[in-house]
Structures are given as C-alpha cells and as structure tokens.
Amino acid sequence: MFRIASSGINSILKKYDLHDPALVLLGEIVRAADSDPRNPHPAGEGLRWIAHGFGKLGFSDHEILKREFVVYDALYAECKKRVVGE
C-alpha cells in the first residue's frame, strides 16, 4: 500500500524542515490511509481504496508506482487548493 509514503512523508517534512500546509494535509491523508490514527482524515479511506485497487489491476510494481505518483500529484494539488481556500 502506501507504507513507504506514510513514514516517508513524515521523515521528509522533518528532515527538510518543511511546513507547507498542503504537504502537512497530504501527510494526514496518507497516514489515515495507511494506519489507524485516532482522528483520521476522511479522505484517507478513499486513498486506501485506491491503493487496494491498484493491487488488483495486475500491474507490475514499477507500473503501480508510476501510476500512484499521478494520484499523489493530484491529491497534493487538491490539498493546496483546500488550504488556500480557493
């Protein structure tokens, strides 16, 4: 699933001292999809479904990652829109 991204996004935010509110929101959604946080972001369940769906499509791991990157890009764009309030 998105395990690498879940732990990776937290590590990246800390390591590079990133405070982009859209990245923070993205991290909340990824954590909700990949773990069982106390107050999960509602979008996390949809991301979890998408991740499980990728696994059912019969693609290679490389192809799944390539396609998941597009999902992350789209999700980040939406996070930016939401935090700016457009």
Protein backbone atom coordinates (compact mmCIF):
# COMPACT_ATOMS: atom_id res chain seq x y z
CA MET A 1 0.00 0.00 0.00
CA PHE A 2 1.32 3.49 0.78
CA ARG A 3 3.54 2.46 3.71
CA ILE A 4 6.68 3.98 2.27
CA ALA A 5 4.89 7.25 1.65
CA SER A 6 3.29 7.28 5.09
CA SER A 7 6.53 7.04 7.03
CA GLY A 8 8.47 8.76 4.28
CA ILE A 9 6.35 11.88 4.18
CA ASN A 10 6.82 12.43 7.92
CA SER A 11 10.57 11.91 7.60
CA ILE A 12 10.84 14.25 4.62
CA LEU A 13 8.85 17.00 6.33
CA LYS A 14 11.09 16.80 9.40
CA LYS A 15 14.40 16.32 7.63
CA TYR A 16 13.93 19.30 5.32
CA ASP A 17 12.03 21.41 7.85
CA LEU A 18 9.05 21.72 5.51
CA HIS A 19 5.98 23.49 6.79
CA ASP A 20 3.93 23.67 3.60
CA PRO A 21 0.34 23.34 4.88
CA ALA A 22 -0.61 21.35 1.78
CA LEU A 23 2.14 18.81 2.49
CA VAL A 24 1.04 18.58 6.11
CA LEU A 25 -2.53 17.90 4.95
CA LEU A 26 -1.28 15.35 2.44
CA GLY A 27 0.60 13.64 5.26
CA GLU A 28 -2.57 13.45 7.36
CA ILE A 29 -4.44 11.82 4.48
CA VAL A 30 -1.66 9.32 3.77
CA ARG A 31 -1.41 8.40 7.45
CA ALA A 32 -5.18 7.89 7.58
CA ALA A 33 -4.95 5.59 4.55
CA ASP A 34 -2.03 3.58 5.83
CA SER A 35 -2.52 3.36 9.57
CA ASP A 36 -5.24 3.71 12.15
CA PRO A 37 -4.82 7.22 13.57
CA ARG A 38 -7.03 8.46 16.38
CA ASN A 39 -8.73 11.13 14.25
CA PRO A 40 -8.26 10.00 10.64
CA HIS A 41 -8.72 12.43 7.78
CA PRO A 42 -11.86 11.35 5.86
CA ALA A 43 -10.02 11.34 2.52
CA GLY A 44 -7.75 8.62 3.86
CA GLU A 45 -10.36 5.93 3.37
CA GLY A 46 -10.69 6.81 -0.32
CA LEU A 47 -6.93 6.74 -0.74
CA ARG A 48 -6.87 3.33 0.96
CA TRP A 49 -9.45 2.03 -1.52
CA ILE A 50 -7.43 3.40 -4.44
CA ALA A 51 -4.26 1.76 -3.14
CA HIS A 52 -6.00 -1.59 -2.76
CA GLY A 53 -7.48 -1.20 -6.23
CA PHE A 54 -4.05 -0.70 -7.78
CA GLY A 55 -3.01 -4.03 -6.34
CA LYS A 56 -5.93 -5.75 -8.08
CA LEU A 57 -5.13 -4.42 -11.57
CA GLY A 58 -2.34 -6.87 -12.29
CA PHE A 59 0.32 -4.22 -12.97
CA SER A 60 3.98 -4.68 -12.10
CA ASP A 61 5.26 -2.91 -9.00
CA HIS A 62 7.03 -0.40 -11.25
CA GLU A 63 3.83 0.36 -13.16
CA ILE A 64 1.82 0.71 -9.94
CA LEU A 65 4.34 3.22 -8.55
CA LYS A 66 4.31 5.19 -11.80
CA ARG A 67 0.53 5.45 -11.66
CA GLU A 68 0.41 6.17 -7.93
CA PHE A 69 2.69 9.18 -8.41
CA VAL A 70 -0.04 10.76 -10.54
CA VAL A 71 -2.51 10.14 -7.71
CA TYR A 72 -0.17 11.87 -5.25
CA ASP A 73 0.29 14.81 -7.61
CA ALA A 74 -3.46 15.22 -7.95
CA LEU A 75 -4.01 14.85 -4.21
CA TYR A 76 -1.31 17.44 -3.47
CA ALA A 77 -2.92 19.86 -5.94
CA GLU A 78 -6.25 19.44 -4.16
CA CYS A 79 -4.57 19.87 -0.76
CA LYS A 80 -3.04 23.13 -1.95
CA LYS A 81 -6.43 24.32 -3.13
CA ARG A 82 -8.08 23.39 0.19
CA VAL A 83 -5.51 25.08 2.41
CA VAL A 84 -5.54 28.26 0.34
CA GLY A 85 -9.31 28.23 0.33
CA GLU A 86 -9.85 28.60 -3.40
